[in-house]
């Protein structure tokens, strides 16, 4: 079952890196097209803040999913340790 945790961990890492890469591309694109007007600067700041919040939310969701998967794996491991004739199933 450790392969499952490794796969989940790998998936979380890849997803987090992907989200960070998208955020970086967005920030760089916004900076590259930046104009000197104050209104546009405010829009850029708002967009960067929005992207940052979305990345943080995604990372939080991925962390929670990983924690749930690890808990489920532990429950399954413990259930395998129970004797088959225990009358629980």
Protein backbone atom coordinates (compact mmCIF):
# COMPACT_ATOMS: atom_id res chain seq x y z
CA UNK A 1 0.00 0.00 0.00
CA UNK A 2 2.97 2.35 0.30
CA UNK A 3 2.92 2.56 -3.49
CA UNK A 4 -0.52 4.18 -3.21
CA UNK A 5 0.75 6.80 -0.78
CA UNK A 6 3.74 7.43 -3.02
CA UNK A 7 1.44 7.86 -6.01
CA UNK A 8 -0.78 10.25 -4.05
CA UNK A 9 2.24 12.15 -2.78
CA UNK A 10 3.64 12.38 -6.30
CA UNK A 11 0.28 13.58 -7.59
CA UNK A 12 0.08 16.25 -4.90
CA UNK A 13 3.60 17.45 -5.63
CA UNK A 14 3.00 17.54 -9.40
CA UNK A 15 -0.30 19.37 -8.94
CA UNK A 16 1.28 21.90 -6.58
CA UNK A 17 4.18 22.49 -8.95
CA UNK A 18 1.74 22.86 -11.83
CA UNK A 19 -0.32 25.40 -9.90
CA UNK A 20 2.83 27.31 -8.95
CA UNK A 21 3.99 27.26 -12.58
CA UNK A 22 0.64 28.62 -13.76
CA UNK A 23 0.78 31.35 -11.12
CA UNK A 24 4.31 32.27 -12.20
CA UNK A 25 3.31 32.45 -15.86
CA UNK A 26 0.33 34.64 -15.00
CA UNK A 27 2.44 36.98 -12.90
CA UNK A 28 5.14 37.21 -15.57
CA UNK A 29 2.56 37.84 -18.29
CA UNK A 30 0.95 40.55 -16.20
CA UNK A 31 4.28 42.19 -15.48
CA UNK A 32 5.33 41.99 -19.11
CA UNK A 33 2.17 43.73 -20.33
CA UNK A 34 2.18 46.22 -17.49
CA UNK A 35 1.42 49.84 -18.23
CA UNK A 36 2.16 52.88 -16.13
CA UNK A 37 -1.44 53.73 -15.28
CA UNK A 38 -2.52 53.38 -11.66
CA UNK A 39 -5.79 51.62 -12.57
CA UNK A 40 -3.94 48.91 -14.46
CA UNK A 41 -1.49 48.49 -11.58
CA UNK A 42 -4.44 47.96 -9.26
CA UNK A 43 -5.93 45.36 -11.62
CA UNK A 44 -2.60 43.56 -11.80
CA UNK A 45 -2.28 43.55 -8.02
CA UNK A 46 -5.82 42.19 -7.71
CA UNK A 47 -5.16 39.49 -10.32
CA UNK A 48 -1.92 38.43 -8.62
CA UNK A 49 -3.70 38.32 -5.26
CA UNK A 50 -6.51 36.25 -6.78
CA UNK A 51 -4.06 33.79 -8.32
CA UNK A 52 -2.20 33.54 -5.03
CA UNK A 53 -5.41 32.81 -3.13
CA UNK A 54 -6.42 30.16 -5.65
CA UNK A 55 -3.03 28.45 -5.46
CA UNK A 56 -3.19 28.47 -1.65
CA UNK A 57 -6.73 27.03 -1.72
CA UNK A 58 -5.65 24.34 -4.17
CA UNK A 59 -2.67 23.41 -2.01
CA UNK A 60 -4.94 23.27 1.05
CA UNK A 61 -7.37 20.97 -0.79
CA UNK A 62 -4.54 18.75 -1.99
CA UNK A 63 -3.08 18.53 1.50
CA UNK A 64 -6.47 17.56 2.91
CA UNK A 65 -6.91 14.91 0.20
CA UNK A 66 -3.49 13.49 0.96
CA UNK A 67 -4.27 13.37 4.68
CA UNK A 68 -7.57 11.57 4.00
CA UNK A 69 -5.82 9.07 1.73
CA UNK A 70 -3.16 8.38 4.35
CA UNK A 71 -5.83 7.91 7.04
CA UNK A 72 -7.77 5.53 4.80
CA UNK A 73 -4.60 3.59 4.09
CA UNK A 74 -3.93 3.26 7.83
CA UNK A 75 -7.49 2.05 8.47
CA UNK A 76 -7.14 -0.56 5.73
CA UNK A 77 -3.79 -1.66 7.14
CA UNK A 78 -5.32 -2.06 10.60
CA UNK A 79 -8.32 -3.95 9.22
CA UNK A 80 -5.97 -6.41 7.50
CA UNK A 81 -4.41 -7.13 10.90
CA UNK A 82 -7.76 -8.21 12.38
CA UNK A 83 -8.32 -11.98 12.50
CA UNK A 84 -10.77 -13.18 9.84
CA UNK A 85 -12.93 -14.99 12.40
CA UNK A 86 -13.47 -11.94 14.61
CA UNK A 87 -17.19 -11.71 13.76
CA UNK A 88 -16.84 -8.11 12.58
CA UNK A 89 -17.49 -8.73 8.95
